[in-house]
Amino acid sequence: MPKPKPLLTPTWQTLLTDYVTALAWSPAGTHLAVASAAGEVVLFEVKTGISVELQPPQGHSIDALAFSADGRFLAAGGQTGRVSIWQLIEAAAPLLTTLEHPRVWVDTLQWHPQQPELALGLGRYAQVWDAAAQEVVITLDFEASSVLDLAWHPSGNALVLAGNQGVKSWQRQDWDNDPEVRETGGASGSIALSPDGQYLASGNNDRTLLVWEWDNPYPWQMQGFPGKVRQLAWSRVPAQEKAPLLASSSAEGVVVWTKAPSDDQGWTSQVLDLHRATVTALAFQPRSRLLASASADGWVCLWHKATQIAQILEGAADGFSSLAWSPQGNYLGAGGCGGEVVVWARTLAGQGFG
C-alpha cells in the first residue's frame, strides 16, 4: 500500500528562550506573533521566518497575544499586568502605548471582531479599551470570582466572561444593563462561541462540558471526562444538522461532538485516542473539518474530518504547548515547551482534504 502523502510540510523552525505561551496570526496570514514564558514577543514573517523582536526577554511571562480585526494593532499581556499595544505600519511595528494594571496577571484578552476595541481580564474585572480613542470604554465586575476566560460574540454585540459558578454576557449597546447569567455549577475555565454565533460552549473544572444555543437558557450537559475540560474548538464548516463540530480536550483525550438531528438527543461523541500526555491546544483548519491537536507528548496530530488520524507532526521534543492555523488555513504554527516555534505549510495533496 502506498504511503499517504503528507498534508503539511515544514516551512521553518526556530527557538525562543523559554516555553512558548501564546501564538497569534495577523488577519492577512502574513505574520505570526509568538510570546514566551521569559516575556519576549517576536513577530515572524511567515514565508521566510525573518523575525523582529518587539520585546526582549524580561523574566516575566507574556501569556496572551491578539491582533485586532483590521491587523493594525497587536496586544500582549502577562504576569506583570502590563498590556503592550504595538501599531503595525507596513514593515514597522512601533510601540503605541502600554496599559498598566499592577497586581493582576493578564492571561486573557481578545479584540472586538470588527472594531479596534480590546477586552481584557483584570482579576475580578474585565475592561474594554478603545485603541482609536486610547481610552477605557467600560469596566465590568464579574463579582463571583476572577475572570478565567472571555470572548466576544462573533456579531460583536456581546462580551462573554467566564468564572466561578457561571458565564455572564453583557450587551455592547448598553453596558450598564445587568448581564445575562448562565450557571455552570463549577468554575468555567474555557469558553468558545461557534463562528456562526449560534452556540456557546463552556469547559468546566467539575469535569463537565455545557453547550447552550445562544438564545436558549437551557444547556446540553456532557460529562464523564477524566479531568477538567481545558480546550475547546469549533469548526467553521458545518456537519450534520447544519451545526458546526465541537472538539474538546480533557487530560490526554480529545472528543469531537456532533449535533444530533433532534434537540432531545443532544450531541453524539467520538473519542480521538492517540495522545499519551495532556492535550494543550485544539484548532480546526478554517474552511475544513481537519482538526489539529497539540500535546505535551511532542505530537501535533492532524485528524481527517475530525475522525481519523491523517498525519503526525513533530518538532518539540519536550512537548507542544500551543498551536494556531493561519486565518486562510495555509499554515499551521505551533509552540513548544522548550521554546520551539515550528511552521508547516499546506501541500497540494492537503488541499480540501479535511
Protein backbone atom coordinates (compact mmCIF):
# COMPACT_ATOMS: atom_id res chain seq x y z
CA MET A 1 0.00 0.00 0.00
CA PRO A 2 1.48 3.40 -0.94
CA LYS A 3 2.34 5.72 1.92
CA PRO A 4 -0.21 8.56 2.31
CA LYS A 5 1.04 11.91 1.11
CA PRO A 6 1.57 14.47 3.89
CA LEU A 7 -0.98 17.22 4.29
CA LEU A 8 1.55 19.65 5.74
CA THR A 9 5.30 20.05 5.28
CA PRO A 10 7.75 22.02 7.46
CA THR A 11 8.45 25.58 6.32
CA TRP A 12 10.80 26.83 9.04
CA GLN A 13 11.66 26.31 12.68
CA THR A 14 13.38 28.45 15.30
CA LEU A 15 13.86 28.71 19.04
CA LEU A 16 12.81 31.27 21.67
CA THR A 17 14.49 31.40 25.07
CA ASP A 18 11.67 29.72 27.02
CA TYR A 19 8.31 27.90 26.91
CA VAL A 20 6.04 29.28 24.19
CA THR A 21 2.93 30.64 25.89
CA ALA A 22 0.93 32.17 23.04
CA LEU A 23 0.67 32.41 19.23
CA ALA A 24 -1.38 34.84 17.13
CA TRP A 25 -1.74 35.20 13.36
CA SER A 26 -2.24 38.50 11.60
CA PRO A 27 -5.63 38.64 9.81
CA ALA A 28 -3.89 38.51 6.42
CA GLY A 29 -1.95 35.42 7.47
CA THR A 30 1.37 37.03 6.60
CA HIS A 31 2.81 37.34 10.12
CA LEU A 32 2.89 35.20 13.24
CA ALA A 33 3.40 36.72 16.68
CA VAL A 34 4.85 34.47 19.39
CA ALA A 35 5.33 35.04 23.13
CA SER A 36 7.25 33.12 25.77
CA ALA A 37 7.40 32.49 29.49
CA ALA A 38 10.52 34.68 29.56
CA GLY A 39 8.46 37.64 28.36
CA GLU A 40 9.75 38.00 24.81
CA VAL A 41 7.41 38.91 21.95
CA VAL A 42 8.63 38.17 18.42
CA LEU A 43 6.95 38.90 15.11
CA PHE A 44 7.77 36.50 12.24
CA GLU A 45 7.27 36.96 8.51
CA VAL A 46 5.63 33.65 7.70
CA LYS A 47 7.05 32.80 4.29
CA THR A 48 10.67 33.45 5.28
CA GLY A 49 10.77 33.12 9.06
CA ILE A 50 12.51 36.50 9.28
CA SER A 51 11.77 37.97 12.69
CA VAL A 52 11.52 41.26 14.54
CA GLU A 53 11.87 41.23 18.31
CA LEU A 54 9.15 43.51 19.66
CA GLN A 55 10.05 42.84 23.28
CA PRO A 56 13.17 41.08 24.65
CA PRO A 57 13.07 38.52 27.48
CA GLN A 58 12.21 40.29 30.74
CA GLY A 59 11.90 37.48 33.26
CA HIS A 60 8.09 37.68 33.44
CA SER A 61 5.80 35.70 31.19
CA ILE A 62 3.61 37.04 28.41
CA ASP A 63 0.50 34.84 28.33
CA ALA A 64 -1.92 36.41 25.86
CA LEU A 65 -1.48 37.78 22.34
CA ALA A 66 -4.02 39.05 19.81
CA PHE A 67 -4.18 41.05 16.56
CA SER A 68 -7.02 43.49 16.02
CA ALA A 69 -9.50 42.56 13.29
CA ASP A 70 -8.04 45.11 10.86
CA GLY A 71 -4.48 43.99 11.60
CA ARG A 72 -3.39 47.47 12.76
CA PHE A 73 -2.73 46.59 16.39
CA LEU A 74 -1.06 43.77 18.31
CA ALA A 75 -1.74 43.41 22.05
CA ALA A 76 0.27 41.38 24.57
CA GLY A 77 -0.43 40.88 28.28
CA GLY A 78 1.05 38.78 31.03
CA GLN A 79 2.39 38.30 34.51
CA THR A 80 3.25 41.92 35.34
CA GLY A 81 -0.22 43.27 34.49
CA ARG A 82 1.22 45.43 31.72
CA VAL A 83 -0.54 45.27 28.35
CA SER A 84 1.60 46.45 25.43
CA ILE A 85 -0.02 47.68 22.22
CA TRP A 86 2.05 47.84 19.02
CA GLN A 87 0.82 49.66 15.94
CA LEU A 88 1.65 47.75 12.76
CA ILE A 89 2.55 50.08 9.89
CA GLU A 90 3.84 48.25 6.80
CA ALA A 91 7.31 47.00 7.79
CA ALA A 92 7.40 48.80 11.15
CA ALA A 93 5.80 47.97 14.49
CA PRO A 94 6.29 50.88 16.93
CA LEU A 95 5.00 50.56 20.48
CA LEU A 96 1.81 52.63 20.63
CA THR A 97 1.21 52.52 24.38
CA THR A 98 1.26 50.38 27.49
CA LEU A 99 -1.67 49.86 29.85
CA GLU A 100 -0.52 49.36 33.43
CA HIS A 101 -2.52 47.09 35.73
CA PRO A 102 -0.29 46.27 38.72
CA ARG A 103 -1.07 43.28 40.94
CA VAL A 104 -3.09 41.42 38.28
CA TRP A 105 -2.00 38.73 35.85
CA VAL A 106 -3.37 39.39 32.36
CA ASP A 107 -3.78 35.95 30.82
CA THR A 108 -6.83 36.53 28.63
CA LEU A 109 -7.55 39.25 26.08
CA GLN A 110 -9.41 39.46 22.77
CA TRP A 111 -10.13 42.18 20.20
CA HIS A 112 -13.65 43.00 19.05
CA PRO A 113 -14.41 41.16 15.76
CA GLN A 114 -14.89 44.43 13.82
CA GLN A 115 -13.80 47.40 15.95
CA PRO A 116 -10.41 48.32 17.50
CA GLU A 117 -11.73 47.57 20.99
CA LEU A 118 -9.70 45.29 23.25
CA ALA A 119 -11.34 43.26 26.04
CA LEU A 120 -9.01 42.04 28.78
CA GLY A 121 -9.42 40.18 32.04
CA LEU A 122 -8.15 42.01 35.14
CA GLY A 123 -8.71 39.76 38.13
CA ARG A 124 -12.37 40.06 39.16
CA TYR A 125 -12.96 42.64 36.43
CA ALA A 126 -12.86 42.87 32.66
CA GLN A 127 -12.17 46.06 30.78
CA VAL A 128 -12.82 47.20 27.23
CA TRP A 129 -10.24 49.65 25.84
CA ASP A 130 -10.64 51.63 22.62
CA ALA A 131 -7.39 51.77 20.64
CA ALA A 132 -8.57 54.58 18.36
CA ALA A 133 -9.55 56.90 21.21
CA GLN A 134 -6.99 55.35 23.57
CA GLU A 135 -9.46 55.33 26.44
CA VAL A 136 -11.35 52.84 28.59
CA VAL A 137 -14.87 52.16 27.32
CA ILE A 138 -16.19 50.15 30.28
CA THR A 139 -15.08 48.17 33.31
CA LEU A 140 -17.23 45.13 34.11
CA ASP A 141 -17.39 43.47 37.54
CA PHE A 142 -17.69 39.67 37.36
CA GLU A 143 -18.26 39.64 41.15
CA ALA A 144 -18.21 35.86 41.76
CA SER A 145 -14.50 35.28 41.06
CA SER A 146 -11.63 36.22 38.82
CA VAL A 147 -12.38 36.28 35.11
CA LEU A 148 -10.97 32.99 33.80
CA ASP A 149 -11.77 33.47 30.12
CA LEU A 150 -13.58 35.89 27.84
CA ALA A 151 -14.88 36.01 24.27
CA TRP A 152 -16.72 38.44 22.01
CA HIS A 153 -19.84 37.17 20.27
CA PRO A 154 -19.00 36.93 16.53
CA SER A 155 -21.57 39.64 15.81
CA GLY A 156 -19.68 41.94 18.13
CA ASN A 157 -22.88 42.72 20.02
CA ALA A 158 -21.97 40.99 23.29
CA LEU A 159 -18.98 40.22 25.51
CA VAL A 160 -18.98 36.93 27.46
CA LEU A 161 -16.98 36.40 30.66
CA ALA A 162 -16.32 33.05 32.36
CA GLY A 163 -15.51 32.37 36.00
CA ASN A 164 -16.63 30.55 39.10
CA GLN A 165 -20.21 29.22 39.02
CA GLY A 166 -21.17 30.76 35.73
CA VAL A 167 -20.83 32.55 32.42
CA LYS A 168 -22.06 36.14 32.09
CA SER A 169 -22.77 38.09 28.91
CA TRP A 170 -23.13 41.86 28.55
CA GLN A 171 -24.74 43.59 25.57
CA ARG A 172 -22.35 46.09 23.95
CA GLN A 173 -25.08 48.63 23.11
CA ASP A 174 -25.86 49.05 26.81
CA TRP A 175 -23.01 48.08 29.10
CA ASP A 176 -24.89 49.34 32.18
CA ASN A 177 -27.62 46.71 31.94
CA ASP A 178 -27.30 43.61 34.12
CA PRO A 179 -25.59 40.69 32.38
CA GLU A 180 -27.32 37.51 31.33
CA VAL A 181 -26.11 34.73 33.65
CA ARG A 182 -25.70 31.08 32.68
CA GLU A 183 -24.92 28.85 35.66
CA THR A 184 -22.20 26.23 35.34
CA GLY A 185 -22.03 24.52 38.73
CA GLY A 186 -18.23 24.59 38.96
CA ALA A 187 -15.82 27.10 37.53
CA SER A 188 -15.88 27.74 33.82
CA GLY A 189 -12.25 27.90 32.72
CA SER A 190 -12.68 27.90 28.95
CA ILE A 191 -15.42 29.28 26.70
CA ALA A 192 -15.87 29.28 22.93
CA LEU A 193 -18.58 30.66 20.66
CA SER A 194 -19.29 28.92 17.37
CA PRO A 195 -18.28 31.04 14.34
CA ASP A 196 -21.94 31.49 13.38
CA GLY A 197 -22.71 32.75 16.89
CA GLN A 198 -25.39 30.12 17.41
CA TYR A 199 -23.72 28.08 20.19
CA LEU A 200 -21.76 28.84 23.35
CA ALA A 201 -19.63 26.12 24.95
CA SER A 202 -18.15 26.14 28.46
CA GLY A 203 -15.42 23.74 29.65
CA ASN A 204 -15.66 23.35 33.42
CA ASN A 205 -13.46 22.21 36.26
CA ASP A 206 -16.17 19.84 37.56
CA ARG A 207 -15.45 17.57 34.55
CA THR A 208 -18.46 18.74 32.55
CA LEU A 209 -18.99 20.48 29.24
CA LEU A 210 -22.05 22.69 28.75
CA VAL A 211 -23.39 23.88 25.38
CA TRP A 212 -26.14 26.49 25.00
CA GLU A 213 -27.95 27.73 21.97
CA TRP A 214 -27.29 31.46 22.16
CA ASP A 215 -30.93 32.39 22.77
CA ASN A 216 -31.80 29.38 24.95
CA PRO A 217 -31.01 29.39 28.71
CA TYR A 218 -31.14 25.58 28.99
CA PRO A 219 -27.87 23.85 28.13
CA TRP A 220 -26.90 20.40 26.97
CA GLN A 221 -24.54 18.83 29.50
CA MET A 222 -21.77 16.37 28.62
CA GLN A 223 -19.96 14.60 31.45
CA GLY A 224 -17.66 11.70 32.28
CA PHE A 225 -14.39 13.43 31.39
CA PRO A 226 -11.21 12.28 33.18
CA GLY A 227 -10.44 15.82 34.39
CA LYS A 228 -11.37 19.45 33.82
CA VAL A 229 -12.27 20.34 30.25
CA ARG A 230 -9.38 22.57 29.21
CA GLN A 231 -9.59 23.16 25.47
CA LEU A 232 -12.49 23.88 23.10
CA ALA A 233 -12.62 24.46 19.34
CA TRP A 234 -15.48 24.91 16.85
CA SER A 235 -15.31 24.11 13.15
CA ARG A 236 -16.32 26.78 10.65
CA VAL A 237 -17.65 24.09 8.31
CA PRO A 238 -20.95 22.60 9.49
CA ALA A 239 -21.54 18.88 9.80
CA GLN A 240 -24.92 17.27 10.28
CA GLU A 241 -27.97 19.41 11.01
CA LYS A 242 -26.02 22.44 9.73
CA ALA A 243 -24.35 22.73 13.15
CA PRO A 244 -20.57 23.04 13.43
CA LEU A 245 -18.45 20.37 15.08
CA LEU A 246 -17.18 20.97 18.60
CA ALA A 247 -13.88 19.49 19.79
CA SER A 248 -12.98 19.30 23.48
CA SER A 249 -10.00 18.01 25.41
CA SER A 250 -9.54 16.72 28.93
CA ALA A 251 -6.22 15.25 30.09
CA GLU A 252 -4.82 13.31 27.09
CA GLY A 253 -8.21 12.72 25.43
CA VAL A 254 -9.94 14.53 22.58
CA VAL A 255 -13.69 14.23 21.99
CA VAL A 256 -15.49 15.52 18.89
CA TRP A 257 -19.17 16.40 19.30
CA THR A 258 -21.76 16.34 16.50
CA LYS A 259 -25.24 17.80 16.89
CA ALA A 260 -27.91 15.09 16.70
CA PRO A 261 -30.96 15.55 14.44
CA SER A 262 -33.22 16.04 17.45
CA ASP A 263 -32.55 18.51 20.24
CA ASP A 264 -33.66 15.82 22.69
CA GLN A 265 -30.81 13.60 21.51
CA GLY A 266 -28.27 16.34 22.16
CA TRP A 267 -24.78 15.78 20.79
CA THR A 268 -23.11 12.49 19.80
CA SER A 269 -19.46 11.93 20.68
CA GLN A 270 -16.41 10.38 19.07
CA VAL A 271 -13.23 9.88 21.07
CA LEU A 272 -9.91 10.52 19.31
CA ASP A 273 -7.47 8.38 21.28
CA LEU A 274 -3.81 8.74 20.37
CA HIS A 275 -2.09 11.28 22.59
CA ARG A 276 -0.20 9.99 25.62
CA ALA A 277 0.10 13.26 27.56
CA THR A 278 -2.05 16.32 28.24
CA VAL A 279 -3.58 17.92 25.17
CA THR A 280 -2.58 21.59 25.23
CA ALA A 281 -4.33 23.04 22.17
CA LEU A 282 -7.04 22.29 19.60
CA ALA A 283 -7.94 24.06 16.35
CA PHE A 284 -9.92 23.29 13.21
CA GLN A 285 -8.41 24.32 9.90
CA PRO A 286 -10.52 27.20 8.54
CA ARG A 287 -12.82 26.11 5.71
CA SER A 288 -12.48 22.40 6.51
CA ARG A 289 -13.06 19.83 9.23
CA LEU A 290 -9.36 18.98 9.55
CA LEU A 291 -8.64 19.11 13.29
CA ALA A 292 -5.20 19.72 14.79
CA SER A 293 -4.40 18.71 18.37
CA ALA A 294 -1.16 19.54 20.20
CA SER A 295 0.09 17.67 23.24
CA ALA A 296 2.83 17.55 25.81
CA ASP A 297 3.74 14.15 24.28
CA GLY A 298 5.55 16.01 21.47
CA TRP A 299 2.98 15.36 18.75
CA VAL A 300 0.69 17.54 16.73
CA CYS A 301 -1.97 15.21 15.32
CA LEU A 302 -3.99 16.04 12.21
CA TRP A 303 -7.40 14.36 12.21
CA HIS A 304 -9.10 13.83 8.84
CA LYS A 305 -12.68 15.18 9.09
CA ALA A 306 -12.12 15.12 12.86
CA THR A 307 -12.48 11.35 12.84
CA GLN A 308 -9.23 9.54 11.96
CA ILE A 309 -5.54 10.28 12.12
CA ALA A 310 -4.10 11.66 8.88
CA GLN A 311 -0.62 12.85 9.91
CA ILE A 312 1.56 13.24 12.99
CA LEU A 313 3.86 16.28 13.16
CA GLU A 314 6.90 16.55 15.41
CA GLY A 315 9.48 19.19 16.29
CA ALA A 316 9.29 19.79 20.04
CA ALA A 317 11.00 17.02 21.99
CA ASP A 318 9.66 18.24 25.36
CA GLY A 319 6.12 18.64 24.07
CA PHE A 320 3.97 21.21 22.32
CA SER A 321 2.29 23.98 24.32
CA SER A 322 0.20 25.79 21.70
CA LEU A 323 -0.90 25.87 18.06
CA ALA A 324 -2.89 28.04 15.67
CA TRP A 325 -3.91 27.91 11.99
CA SER A 326 -3.41 30.95 9.80
CA PRO A 327 -6.82 32.54 9.02
CA GLN A 328 -6.66 31.27 5.43
CA GLY A 329 -5.69 27.76 6.58
CA ASN A 330 -2.48 27.73 4.53
CA TYR A 331 -0.13 27.49 7.51
CA LEU A 332 -0.12 25.84 10.92
CA GLY A 333 2.08 27.30 13.66
CA ALA A 334 2.95 25.54 16.91
CA GLY A 335 4.94 26.45 20.00
CA GLY A 336 6.96 24.09 22.17
CA CYS A 337 7.69 23.65 25.87
CA GLY A 338 11.38 24.18 25.09
CA GLY A 339 10.80 27.42 23.17
CA GLU A 340 10.44 25.82 19.74
CA VAL A 341 8.44 27.64 17.07
CA VAL A 342 7.50 25.47 14.07
CA VAL A 343 5.52 26.47 10.99
CA TRP A 344 4.18 23.97 8.47
CA ALA A 345 2.61 24.81 5.11
CA ARG A 346 -0.25 23.08 3.37
CA THR A 347 0.76 20.86 0.47
CA LEU A 348 -1.16 20.46 -2.77
CA ALA A 349 -2.12 16.99 -1.57
CA GLY A 350 -3.62 18.54 1.55
CA GLN A 351 -5.93 20.99 -0.18
CA GLY A 352 -9.52 20.16 0.52
CA PHE A 353 -8.52 17.05 2.44
CA GLY A 354 -10.19 17.91 5.71
